[in-house]
Amino acid sequence: MHYGLLNERNKAELLRLMMVSEMQMNKDFVLRKVCGLNVVLPTGANVKEFGGALNLNDTAALIYEQLQAGKSVEEAADALMEAYDVTRETALADVQETIGSLREAGVVA
């Protein structure tokens, strides 16, 4: 991404992207489609510790799949833009919000 001159908004965006780019997906979770729902399930020792599952909407599931495949935040945003015809700003915000939620749940380190 080319930021040109960094204003305060661009600086904040760049810092968020740098922070998110250092994340790692927890490999002890899998995304499955169960009865039409996108469900993130723990595996192995996480089953006992996590004790549940996460339901993701289609947007979050797409983001999860992109990140699980090793795609960058920008690539995940590109996939959202293509699938849902949204602006880059909206797509990046959705990716960042989803990553924050996944991080809170322990799915992203």
PDB file of N, CA and C in Angstrom:
ATOM      1  N   MET A   1       0.849  -1.172   0.000  1.00  0.00           N
ATOM      2  CA  MET A   1       0.000   0.000   0.000  1.00  0.00           C
ATOM      3  C   MET A   1       0.888   1.227   0.000  1.00  0.00           C
ATOM      4  N   HIS A   2       0.532   2.206  -0.791  1.00  0.00           N
ATOM      5  CA  HIS A   2       1.309   3.427  -0.871  1.00  0.00           C
ATOM      6  C   HIS A   2       0.544   4.519  -0.143  1.00  0.00           C
ATOM      7  N   TYR A   3       1.162   5.092   0.860  1.00  0.00           N
ATOM      8  CA  TYR A   3       0.484   6.100   1.662  1.00  0.00           C
ATOM      9  C   TYR A   3       0.843   7.522   1.275  1.00  0.00           C
ATOM     10  N   GLY A   4       1.890   7.707   0.473  1.00  0.00           N
ATOM     11  CA  GLY A   4       2.299   9.076   0.156  1.00  0.00           C
ATOM     12  C   GLY A   4       2.652   9.807   1.433  1.00  0.00           C
ATOM     13  N   LEU A   5       2.176  11.027   1.551  1.00  0.00           N
ATOM     14  CA  LEU A   5       2.402  11.780   2.784  1.00  0.00           C
ATOM     15  C   LEU A   5       1.511  11.215   3.881  1.00  0.00           C
ATOM     16  N   LEU A   6       2.091  10.978   5.035  1.00  0.00           N
ATOM     17  CA  LEU A   6       1.332  10.404   6.137  1.00  0.00           C
ATOM     18  C   LEU A   6       0.662  11.496   6.959  1.00  0.00           C
ATOM     19  N   ASN A   7      -0.652  11.513   6.945  1.00  0.00           N
ATOM     20  CA  ASN A   7      -1.368  12.386   7.867  1.00  0.00           C
ATOM     21  C   ASN A   7      -1.739  11.538   9.081  1.00  0.00           C
ATOM     22  N   GLU A   8      -2.418  12.108  10.050  1.00  0.00           N
ATOM     23  CA  GLU A   8      -2.728  11.373  11.276  1.00  0.00           C
ATOM     24  C   GLU A   8      -3.591  10.142  11.009  1.00  0.00           C
ATOM     25  N   ARG A   9      -4.561  10.267  10.124  1.00  0.00           N
ATOM     26  CA  ARG A   9      -5.423   9.119   9.810  1.00  0.00           C
ATOM     27  C   ARG A   9      -4.633   8.002   9.145  1.00  0.00           C
ATOM     28  N   ASN A  10      -3.773   8.365   8.192  1.00  0.00           N
ATOM     29  CA  ASN A  10      -2.954   7.365   7.515  1.00  0.00           C
ATOM     30  C   ASN A  10      -1.965   6.718   8.465  1.00  0.00           C
ATOM     31  N   LYS A  11      -1.409   7.493   9.382  1.00  0.00           N
ATOM     32  CA  LYS A  11      -0.480   6.930  10.360  1.00  0.00           C
ATOM     33  C   LYS A  11      -1.186   5.886  11.214  1.00  0.00           C
ATOM     34  N   ALA A  12      -2.388   6.212  11.682  1.00  0.00           N
ATOM     35  CA  ALA A  12      -3.143   5.272  12.499  1.00  0.00           C
ATOM     36  C   ALA A  12      -3.460   4.007  11.713  1.00  0.00           C
ATOM     37  N   GLU A  13      -3.844   4.164  10.458  1.00  0.00           N
ATOM     38  CA  GLU A  13      -4.153   3.016   9.602  1.00  0.00           C
ATOM     39  C   GLU A  13      -2.916   2.150   9.392  1.00  0.00           C
ATOM     40  N   LEU A  14      -1.789   2.779   9.131  1.00  0.00           N
ATOM     41  CA  LEU A  14      -0.548   2.050   8.931  1.00  0.00           C
ATOM     42  C   LEU A  14      -0.160   1.287  10.185  1.00  0.00           C
ATOM     43  N   LEU A  15      -0.281   1.900  11.349  1.00  0.00           N
ATOM     44  CA  LEU A  15       0.044   1.218  12.605  1.00  0.00           C
ATOM     45  C   LEU A  15      -0.867   0.020  12.831  1.00  0.00           C
ATOM     46  N   ARG A  16      -2.165   0.165  12.543  1.00  0.00           N
ATOM     47  CA  ARG A  16      -3.096  -0.958  12.698  1.00  0.00           C
ATOM     48  C   ARG A  16      -2.723  -2.098  11.762  1.00  0.00           C
ATOM     49  N   LEU A  17      -2.396  -1.770  10.514  1.00  0.00           N
ATOM     50  CA  LEU A  17      -2.028  -2.801   9.561  1.00  0.00           C
ATOM     51  C   LEU A  17      -0.743  -3.514   9.968  1.00  0.00           C
ATOM     52  N   MET A  18       0.211  -2.757  10.492  1.00  0.00           N
ATOM     53  CA  MET A  18       1.468  -3.361  10.932  1.00  0.00           C
ATOM     54  C   MET A  18       1.203  -4.306  12.096  1.00  0.00           C
ATOM     55  N   MET A  19       0.349  -3.897  13.044  1.00  0.00           N
ATOM     56  CA  MET A  19       0.035  -4.727  14.187  1.00  0.00           C
ATOM     57  C   MET A  19      -0.667  -6.008  13.739  1.00  0.00           C
ATOM     58  N   VAL A  20      -1.628  -5.879  12.837  1.00  0.00           N
ATOM     59  CA  VAL A  20      -2.395  -7.018  12.376  1.00  0.00           C
ATOM     60  C   VAL A  20      -1.535  -7.952  11.535  1.00  0.00           C
ATOM     61  N   SER A  21      -0.587  -7.395  10.786  1.00  0.00           N
ATOM     62  CA  SER A  21       0.228  -8.230   9.915  1.00  0.00           C
ATOM     63  C   SER A  21       1.122  -9.180  10.703  1.00  0.00           C
ATOM     64  N   GLU A  22       1.339  -8.902  11.985  1.00  0.00           N
ATOM     65  CA  GLU A  22       2.177  -9.758  12.810  1.00  0.00           C
ATOM     66  C   GLU A  22       1.383 -10.864  13.505  1.00  0.00           C
ATOM     67  N   MET A  23       0.103 -10.961  13.239  1.00  0.00           N
ATOM     68  CA  MET A  23      -0.729 -11.949  13.897  1.00  0.00           C
ATOM     69  C   MET A  23      -0.449 -13.342  13.369  1.00  0.00           C
ATOM     70  N   GLN A  24      -0.837 -14.322  14.163  1.00  0.00           N
ATOM     71  CA  GLN A  24      -0.731 -15.710  13.744  1.00  0.00           C
ATOM     72  C   GLN A  24      -2.037 -16.403  14.063  1.00  0.00           C
ATOM     73  N   MET A  25      -2.523 -17.154  13.095  1.00  0.00           N
ATOM     74  CA  MET A  25      -3.745 -17.917  13.308  1.00  0.00           C
ATOM     75  C   MET A  25      -3.422 -19.097  14.215  1.00  0.00           C
ATOM     76  N   ASN A  26      -4.303 -19.363  15.155  1.00  0.00           N
ATOM     77  CA  ASN A  26      -4.156 -20.521  16.028  1.00  0.00           C
ATOM     78  C   ASN A  26      -4.580 -21.744  15.224  1.00  0.00           C
ATOM     79  N   LYS A  27      -3.658 -22.652  14.989  1.00  0.00           N
ATOM     80  CA  LYS A  27      -3.919 -23.828  14.153  1.00  0.00           C
ATOM     81  C   LYS A  27      -4.799 -24.857  14.862  1.00  0.00           C
ATOM     82  N   ASP A  28      -5.135 -24.614  16.131  1.00  0.00           N
ATOM     83  CA  ASP A  28      -5.970 -25.543  16.888  1.00  0.00           C
ATOM     84  C   ASP A  28      -7.451 -25.232  16.756  1.00  0.00           C
ATOM     85  N   PHE A  29      -7.821 -24.502  15.700  1.00  0.00           N
ATOM     86  CA  PHE A  29      -9.212 -24.215  15.390  1.00  0.00           C
ATOM     87  C   PHE A  29      -9.454 -24.492  13.911  1.00  0.00           C
ATOM     88  N   VAL A  30     -10.660 -24.921  13.582  1.00  0.00           N
ATOM     89  CA  VAL A  30     -11.031 -25.165  12.192  1.00  0.00           C
ATOM     90  C   VAL A  30     -12.387 -24.515  11.921  1.00  0.00           C
ATOM     91  N   LEU A  31     -12.575 -24.094  10.689  1.00  0.00           N
ATOM     92  CA  LEU A  31     -13.851 -23.531  10.260  1.00  0.00           C
ATOM     93  C   LEU A  31     -14.616 -24.607   9.506  1.00  0.00           C
ATOM     94  N   ARG A  32     -15.850 -24.832   9.922  1.00  0.00           N
ATOM     95  CA  ARG A  32     -16.705 -25.821   9.270  1.00  0.00           C
ATOM     96  C   ARG A  32     -18.082 -25.213   9.018  1.00  0.00           C
ATOM     97  N   LYS A  33     -18.749 -25.708   8.010  1.00  0.00           N
ATOM     98  CA  LYS A  33     -20.129 -25.334   7.721  1.00  0.00           C
ATOM     99  C   LYS A  33     -21.001 -26.406   8.377  1.00  0.00           C
ATOM    100  N   VAL A  34     -21.822 -26.004   9.342  1.00  0.00           N
ATOM    101  CA  VAL A  34     -22.681 -26.933  10.065  1.00  0.00           C
ATOM    102  C   VAL A  34     -24.120 -26.424   9.956  1.00  0.00           C
ATOM    103  N   CYS A  35     -24.972 -27.185   9.310  1.00  0.00           N
ATOM    104  CA  CYS A  35     -26.384 -26.805   9.123  1.00  0.00           C
ATOM    105  C   CYS A  35     -26.513 -25.387   8.553  1.00  0.00           C
ATOM    106  N   GLY A  36     -25.647 -25.076   7.616  1.00  0.00           N
ATOM    107  CA  GLY A  36     -25.705 -23.766   6.967  1.00  0.00           C
ATOM    108  C   GLY A  36     -25.029 -22.644   7.735  1.00  0.00           C
ATOM    109  N   LEU A  37     -24.458 -22.945   8.902  1.00  0.00           N
ATOM    110  CA  LEU A  37     -23.770 -21.931   9.711  1.00  0.00           C
ATOM    111  C   LEU A  37     -22.268 -22.098   9.603  1.00  0.00           C
ATOM    112  N   ASN A  38     -21.552 -20.984   9.630  1.00  0.00           N
ATOM    113  CA  ASN A  38     -20.084 -20.993   9.654  1.00  0.00           C
ATOM    114  C   ASN A  38     -19.657 -21.089  11.107  1.00  0.00           C
ATOM    115  N   VAL A  39     -19.038 -22.213  11.467  1.00  0.00           N
ATOM    116  CA  VAL A  39     -18.693 -22.464  12.863  1.00  0.00           C
ATOM    117  C   VAL A  39     -17.194 -22.716  12.979  1.00  0.00           C
ATOM    118  N   VAL A  40     -16.542 -21.978  13.883  1.00  0.00           N
ATOM    119  CA  VAL A  40     -15.132 -22.216  14.198  1.00  0.00           C
ATOM    120  C   VAL A  40     -15.115 -23.117  15.425  1.00  0.00           C
ATOM    121  N   LEU A  41     -14.476 -24.266  15.266  1.00  0.00           N
ATOM    122  CA  LEU A  41     -14.439 -25.267  16.331  1.00  0.00           C
ATOM    123  C   LEU A  41     -13.013 -25.483  16.814  1.00  0.00           C
ATOM    124  N   PRO A  42     -12.843 -25.673  18.110  1.00  0.00           N
ATOM    125  CA  PRO A  42     -11.519 -26.001  18.635  1.00  0.00           C
ATOM    126  C   PRO A  42     -11.190 -27.459  18.338  1.00  0.00           C
ATOM    127  N   THR A  43      -9.911 -27.751  18.263  1.00  0.00           N
ATOM    128  CA  THR A  43      -9.455 -29.123  18.069  1.00  0.00           C
ATOM    129  C   THR A  43      -8.447 -29.462  19.155  1.00  0.00           C
ATOM    130  N   GLY A  44      -8.155 -30.729  19.309  1.00  0.00           N
ATOM    131  CA  GLY A  44      -7.146 -31.177  20.261  1.00  0.00           C
ATOM    132  C   GLY A  44      -7.428 -30.719  21.681  1.00  0.00           C
ATOM    133  N   ALA A  45      -6.377 -30.271  22.338  1.00  0.00           N
ATOM    134  CA  ALA A  45      -6.481 -29.834  23.734  1.00  0.00           C
ATOM    135  C   ALA A  45      -7.378 -28.608  23.884  1.00  0.00           C
ATOM    136  N   ASN A  46      -7.548 -27.863  22.819  1.00  0.00           N
ATOM    137  CA  ASN A  46      -8.391 -26.667  22.877  1.00  0.00           C
ATOM    138  C   ASN A  46      -9.863 -26.978  23.130  1.00  0.00           C
ATOM    139  N   VAL A  47     -10.291 -28.196  22.803  1.00  0.00           N
ATOM    140  CA  VAL A  47     -11.697 -28.551  23.000  1.00  0.00           C
ATOM    141  C   VAL A  47     -12.071 -28.384  24.468  1.00  0.00           C
ATOM    142  N   LYS A  48     -11.247 -28.892  25.332  1.00  0.00           N
ATOM    143  CA  LYS A  48     -11.520 -28.813  26.767  1.00  0.00           C
ATOM    144  C   LYS A  48     -11.380 -27.378  27.283  1.00  0.00           C
ATOM    145  N   GLU A  49     -10.344 -26.686  26.843  1.00  0.00           N
ATOM    146  CA  GLU A  49     -10.087 -25.321  27.302  1.00  0.00           C
ATOM    147  C   GLU A  49     -11.098 -24.319  26.759  1.00  0.00           C
ATOM    148  N   PHE A  50     -11.403 -24.430  25.471  1.00  0.00           N
ATOM    149  CA  PHE A  50     -12.273 -23.449  24.826  1.00  0.00           C
ATOM    150  C   PHE A  50     -13.732 -23.676  25.194  1.00  0.00           C
ATOM    151  N   GLY A  51     -14.137 -24.917  25.188  1.00  0.00           N
ATOM    152  CA  GLY A  51     -15.465 -25.287  25.646  1.00  0.00           C
ATOM    153  C   GLY A  51     -16.626 -24.708  24.874  1.00  0.00           C
ATOM    154  N   GLY A  52     -16.514 -24.577  23.576  1.00  0.00           N
ATOM    155  CA  GLY A  52     -17.615 -24.035  22.790  1.00  0.00           C
ATOM    156  C   GLY A  52     -17.240 -23.916  21.335  1.00  0.00           C
ATOM    157  N   ALA A  53     -17.915 -23.036  20.651  1.00  0.00           N
ATOM    158  CA  ALA A  53     -17.668 -22.787  19.229  1.00  0.00           C
ATOM    159  C   ALA A  53     -18.002 -21.333  18.935  1.00  0.00           C
ATOM    160  N   LEU A  54     -17.494 -20.839  17.825  1.00  0.00           N
ATOM    161  CA  LEU A  54     -17.799 -19.481  17.377  1.00  0.00           C
ATOM    162  C   LEU A  54     -18.633 -19.553  16.110  1.00  0.00           C
ATOM    163  N   ASN A  55     -19.703 -18.795  16.069  1.00  0.00           N
ATOM    164  CA  ASN A  55     -20.488 -18.671  14.842  1.00  0.00           C
ATOM    165  C   ASN A  55     -20.023 -17.421  14.112  1.00  0.00           C
ATOM    166  N   LEU A  56     -19.697 -17.575  12.833  1.00  0.00           N
ATOM    167  CA  LEU A  56     -19.256 -16.443  12.015  1.00  0.00           C
ATOM    168  C   LEU A  56     -20.276 -16.164  10.925  1.00  0.00           C
ATOM    169  N   ASN A  57     -20.504 -14.884  10.654  1.00  0.00           N
ATOM    170  CA  ASN A  57     -21.327 -14.568   9.493  1.00  0.00           C
ATOM    171  C   ASN A  57     -20.483 -14.831   8.243  1.00  0.00           C
ATOM    172  N   ASP A  58     -21.093 -14.719   7.070  1.00  0.00           N
ATOM    173  CA  ASP A  58     -20.378 -15.045   5.833  1.00  0.00           C
ATOM    174  C   ASP A  58     -19.164 -14.152   5.602  1.00  0.00           C
ATOM    175  N   THR A  59     -19.271 -12.891   5.986  1.00  0.00           N
ATOM    176  CA  THR A  59     -18.142 -11.967   5.827  1.00  0.00           C
ATOM    177  C   THR A  59     -16.977 -12.400   6.698  1.00  0.00           C
ATOM    178  N   ALA A  60     -17.246 -12.680   7.958  1.00  0.00           N
ATOM    179  CA  ALA A  60     -16.184 -13.114   8.882  1.00  0.00           C
ATOM    180  C   ALA A  60     -15.597 -14.450   8.445  1.00  0.00           C
ATOM    181  N   ALA A  61     -16.436 -15.343   7.924  1.00  0.00           N
ATOM    182  CA  ALA A  61     -15.942 -16.639   7.454  1.00  0.00           C
ATOM    183  C   ALA A  61     -14.986 -16.459   6.273  1.00  0.00           C
ATOM    184  N   LEU A  62     -15.323 -15.554   5.374  1.00  0.00           N
ATOM    185  CA  LEU A  62     -14.432 -15.279   4.241  1.00  0.00           C
ATOM    186  C   LEU A  62     -13.093 -14.735   4.728  1.00  0.00           C
ATOM    187  N   ILE A  63     -13.146 -13.824   5.667  1.00  0.00           N
ATOM    188  CA  ILE A  63     -11.914 -13.262   6.243  1.00  0.00           C
ATOM    189  C   ILE A  63     -11.110 -14.364   6.919  1.00  0.00           C
ATOM    190  N   TYR A  64     -11.767 -15.195   7.722  1.00  0.00           N
ATOM    191  CA  TYR A  64     -11.096 -16.298   8.411  1.00  0.00           C
ATOM    192  C   TYR A  64     -10.392 -17.204   7.400  1.00  0.00           C
ATOM    193  N   GLU A  65     -11.101 -17.575   6.347  1.00  0.00           N
ATOM    194  CA  GLU A  65     -10.519 -18.453   5.331  1.00  0.00           C
ATOM    195  C   GLU A  65      -9.294 -17.818   4.677  1.00  0.00           C
ATOM    196  N   GLN A  66      -9.382 -16.531   4.388  1.00  0.00           N
ATOM    197  CA  GLN A  66      -8.251 -15.829   3.779  1.00  0.00           C
ATOM    198  C   GLN A  66      -7.033 -15.843   4.701  1.00  0.00           C
ATOM    199  N   LEU A  67      -7.267 -15.520   5.963  1.00  0.00           N
ATOM    200  CA  LEU A  67      -6.166 -15.467   6.926  1.00  0.00           C
ATOM    201  C   LEU A  67      -5.602 -16.854   7.197  1.00  0.00           C
ATOM    202  N   GLN A  68      -6.469 -17.854   7.288  1.00  0.00           N
ATOM    203  CA  GLN A  68      -6.023 -19.231   7.513  1.00  0.00           C
ATOM    204  C   GLN A  68      -5.151 -19.712   6.354  1.00  0.00           C
ATOM    205  N   ALA A  69      -5.433 -19.202   5.151  1.00  0.00           N
ATOM    206  CA  ALA A  69      -4.656 -19.571   3.967  1.00  0.00           C
ATOM    207  C   ALA A  69      -3.350 -18.778   3.863  1.00  0.00           C
ATOM    208  N   GLY A  70      -3.085 -17.945   4.868  1.00  0.00           N
ATOM    209  CA  GLY A  70      -1.835 -17.189   4.874  1.00  0.00           C
ATOM    210  C   GLY A  70      -1.893 -15.876   4.125  1.00  0.00           C
ATOM    211  N   LYS A  71      -3.086 -15.443   3.756  1.00  0.00           N
ATOM    212  CA  LYS A  71      -3.227 -14.180   3.035  1.00  0.00           C
ATOM    213  C   LYS A  71      -3.008 -13.009   3.985  1.00  0.00           C
ATOM    214  N   SER A  72      -2.576 -11.902   3.423  1.00  0.00           N
ATOM    215  CA  SER A  72      -2.358 -10.692   4.211  1.00  0.00           C
ATOM    216  C   SER A  72      -3.683  -9.998   4.485  1.00  0.00           C
ATOM    217  N   VAL A  73      -3.636  -9.007   5.344  1.00  0.00           N
ATOM    218  CA  VAL A  73      -4.817  -8.196   5.634  1.00  0.00           C
ATOM    219  C   VAL A  73      -5.320  -7.549   4.349  1.00  0.00           C
ATOM    220  N   GLU A  74      -4.415  -7.030   3.561  1.00  0.00           N
ATOM    221  CA  GLU A  74      -4.810  -6.391   2.295  1.00  0.00           C
ATOM    222  C   GLU A  74      -5.435  -7.390   1.337  1.00  0.00           C
ATOM    223  N   GLU A  75      -4.893  -8.604   1.279  1.00  0.00           N
ATOM    224  CA  GLU A  75      -5.468  -9.620   0.398  1.00  0.00           C
ATOM    225  C   GLU A  75      -6.856 -10.037   0.877  1.00  0.00           C
ATOM    226  N   ALA A  76      -7.036 -10.122   2.191  1.00  0.00           N
ATOM    227  CA  ALA A  76      -8.359 -10.436   2.742  1.00  0.00           C
ATOM    228  C   ALA A  76      -9.337  -9.314   2.398  1.00  0.00           C
ATOM    229  N   ALA A  77      -8.881  -8.081   2.499  1.00  0.00           N
ATOM    230  CA  ALA A  77      -9.724  -6.935   2.136  1.00  0.00           C
ATOM    231  C   ALA A  77     -10.067  -6.978   0.655  1.00  0.00           C
ATOM    232  N   ASP A  78      -9.103  -7.338  -0.189  1.00  0.00           N
ATOM    233  CA  ASP A  78      -9.363  -7.466  -1.626  1.00  0.00           C
ATOM    234  C   ASP A  78     -10.451  -8.508  -1.896  1.00  0.00           C
ATOM    235  N   ALA A  79     -10.399  -9.625  -1.177  1.00  0.00           N
ATOM    236  CA  ALA A  79     -11.411 -10.678  -1.342  1.00  0.00           C
ATOM    237  C   ALA A  79     -12.787 -10.160  -0.941  1.00  0.00           C
ATOM    238  N   LEU A  80     -12.847  -9.377   0.129  1.00  0.00           N
ATOM    239  CA  LEU A  80     -14.123  -8.788   0.541  1.00  0.00           C
ATOM    240  C   LEU A  80     -14.645  -7.815  -0.506  1.00  0.00           C
ATOM    241  N   MET A  81     -13.744  -6.996  -1.038  1.00  0.00           N
ATOM    242  CA  MET A  81     -14.144  -6.023  -2.051  1.00  0.00           C
ATOM    243  C   MET A  81     -14.728  -6.736  -3.269  1.00  0.00           C
ATOM    244  N   GLU A  82     -14.110  -7.836  -3.646  1.00  0.00           N
ATOM    245  CA  GLU A  82     -14.582  -8.586  -4.810  1.00  0.00           C
ATOM    246  C   GLU A  82     -15.919  -9.278  -4.519  1.00  0.00           C
ATOM    247  N   ALA A  83     -16.043  -9.883  -3.339  1.00  0.00           N
ATOM    248  CA  ALA A  83     -17.250 -10.646  -3.008  1.00  0.00           C
ATOM    249  C   ALA A  83     -18.454  -9.765  -2.703  1.00  0.00           C
ATOM    250  N   TYR A  84     -18.214  -8.597  -2.087  1.00  0.00           N
ATOM    251  CA  TYR A  84     -19.329  -7.794  -1.594  1.00  0.00           C
ATOM    252  C   TYR A  84     -19.416  -6.384  -2.191  1.00  0.00           C
ATOM    253  N   ASP A  85     -18.540  -6.058  -3.122  1.00  0.00           N
ATOM    254  CA  ASP A  85     -18.578  -4.748  -3.767  1.00  0.00           C
ATOM    255  C   ASP A  85     -18.608  -3.611  -2.749  1.00  0.00           C
ATOM    256  N   VAL A  86     -17.622  -3.627  -1.851  1.00  0.00           N
ATOM    257  CA  VAL A  86     -17.479  -2.572  -0.843  1.00  0.00           C
ATOM    258  C   VAL A  86     -16.190  -1.806  -1.111  1.00  0.00           C
ATOM    259  N   THR A  87     -16.049  -0.651  -0.488  1.00  0.00           N
ATOM    260  CA  THR A  87     -14.848   0.161  -0.658  1.00  0.00           C
ATOM    261  C   THR A  87     -13.684  -0.467   0.103  1.00  0.00           C
ATOM    262  N   ARG A  88     -12.476  -0.066  -0.259  1.00  0.00           N
ATOM    263  CA  ARG A  88     -11.285  -0.559   0.442  1.00  0.00           C
ATOM    264  C   ARG A  88     -11.361  -0.182   1.918  1.00  0.00           C
ATOM    265  N   GLU A  89     -11.782   1.027   2.202  1.00  0.00           N
ATOM    266  CA  GLU A  89     -11.870   1.487   3.587  1.00  0.00           C
ATOM    267  C   GLU A  89     -12.817   0.592   4.398  1.00  0.00           C
ATOM    268  N   THR A  90     -13.960   0.285   3.834  1.00  0.00           N
ATOM    269  CA  THR A  90     -14.923  -0.585   4.515  1.00  0.00           C
ATOM    270  C   THR A  90     -14.360  -1.990   4.683  1.00  0.00           C
ATOM    271  N   ALA A  91     -13.744  -2.507   3.628  1.00  0.00           N
ATOM    272  CA  ALA A  91     -13.187  -3.856   3.679  1.00  0.00           C
ATOM    273  C   ALA A  91     -12.087  -3.954   4.735  1.00  0.00           C
ATOM    274  N   LEU A  92     -11.177  -2.980   4.758  1.00  0.00           N
ATOM    275  CA  LEU A  92     -10.107  -2.994   5.764  1.00  0.00           C
ATOM    276  C   LEU A  92     -10.671  -2.894   7.179  1.00  0.00           C
ATOM    277  N   ALA A  93     -11.678  -2.060   7.360  1.00  0.00           N
ATOM    278  CA  ALA A  93     -12.298  -1.929   8.681  1.00  0.00           C
ATOM    279  C   ALA A  93     -12.935  -3.249   9.104  1.00  0.00           C
ATOM    280  N   ASP A  94     -13.606  -3.927   8.177  1.00  0.00           N
ATOM    281  CA  ASP A  94     -14.226  -5.218   8.489  1.00  0.00           C
ATOM    282  C   ASP A  94     -13.175  -6.264   8.837  1.00  0.00           C
ATOM    283  N   VAL A  95     -12.087  -6.294   8.084  1.00  0.00           N
ATOM    284  CA  VAL A  95     -11.012  -7.256   8.370  1.00  0.00           C
ATOM    285  C   VAL A  95     -10.427  -6.981   9.748  1.00  0.00           C
ATOM    286  N   GLN A  96     -10.159  -5.729  10.042  1.00  0.00           N
ATOM    287  CA  GLN A  96      -9.570  -5.379  11.339  1.00  0.00           C
ATOM    288  C   GLN A  96     -10.516  -5.709  12.488  1.00  0.00           C
ATOM    289  N   GLU A  97     -11.797  -5.420  12.318  1.00  0.00           N
ATOM    290  CA  GLU A  97     -12.780  -5.722  13.363  1.00  0.00           C
ATOM    291  C   GLU A  97     -12.883  -7.234  13.590  1.00  0.00           C
ATOM    292  N   THR A  98     -12.894  -7.988  12.504  1.00  0.00           N
ATOM    293  CA  THR A  98     -12.978  -9.446  12.611  1.00  0.00           C
ATOM    294  C   THR A  98     -11.738 -10.012  13.288  1.00  0.00           C
ATOM    295  N   ILE A  99     -10.577  -9.509  12.923  1.00  0.00           N
ATOM    296  CA  ILE A  99      -9.344  -9.973  13.556  1.00  0.00           C
ATOM    297  C   ILE A  99      -9.373  -9.665  15.049  1.00  0.00           C
ATOM    298  N   GLY A 100      -9.861  -8.492  15.415  1.00  0.00           N
ATOM    299  CA  GLY A 100      -9.975  -8.141  16.825  1.00  0.00           C
ATOM    300  C   GLY A 100     -10.876  -9.111  17.576  1.00  0.00           C
ATOM    301  N   SER A 101     -12.002  -9.465  16.988  1.00  0.00           N
ATOM    302  CA  SER A 101     -12.919 -10.415  17.618  1.00  0.00           C
ATOM    303  C   SER A 101     -12.296 -11.811  17.718  1.00  0.00           C
ATOM    304  N   LEU A 102     -11.612 -12.223  16.659  1.00  0.00           N
ATOM    305  CA  LEU A 102     -10.952 -13.536  16.683  1.00  0.00           C
ATOM    306  C   LEU A 102      -9.818 -13.557  17.700  1.00  0.00           C
ATOM    307  N   ARG A 103      -9.141 -12.426  17.833  1.00  0.00           N
ATOM    308  CA  ARG A 103      -8.055 -12.342  18.815  1.00  0.00           C
ATOM    309  C   ARG A 103      -8.619 -12.453  20.236  1.00  0.00           C
ATOM    310  N   GLU A 104      -9.720 -11.779  20.503  1.00  0.00           N
ATOM    311  CA  GLU A 104     -10.364 -11.856  21.823  1.00  0.00           C
ATOM    312  C   GLU A 104     -10.771 -13.280  22.162  1.00  0.00           C
ATOM    313  N   ALA A 105     -11.183 -14.040  21.149  1.00  0.00           N
ATOM    314  CA  ALA A 105     -11.615 -15.418  21.359  1.00  0.00           C
ATOM    315  C   ALA A 105     -10.433 -16.388  21.435  1.00  0.00           C
ATOM    316  N   GLY A 106      -9.223 -15.918  21.119  1.00  0.00           N
ATOM    317  CA  GLY A 106      -8.051 -16.787  21.166  1.00  0.00           C
ATOM    318  C   GLY A 106      -7.785 -17.540  19.883  1.00  0.00           C
ATOM    319  N   VAL A 107      -8.516 -17.204  18.832  1.00  0.00           N
ATOM    320  CA  VAL A 107      -8.335 -17.876  17.549  1.00  0.00           C
ATOM    321  C   VAL A 107      -7.150 -17.274  16.794  1.00  0.00           C
ATOM    322  N   VAL A 108      -6.852 -16.032  17.079  1.00  0.00           N
ATOM    323  CA  VAL A 108      -5.709 -15.333  16.503  1.00  0.00           C
ATOM    324  C   VAL A 108      -4.780 -14.915  17.626  1.00  0.00           C
ATOM    325  N   ALA A 109      -3.498 -15.159  17.447  1.00  0.00           N
ATOM    326  CA  ALA A 109      -2.509 -14.763  18.461  1.00  0.00           C
ATOM    327  C   ALA A 109      -1.894 -13.437  18.108  1.00  0.00           C
TER     328      ALA A 109
END
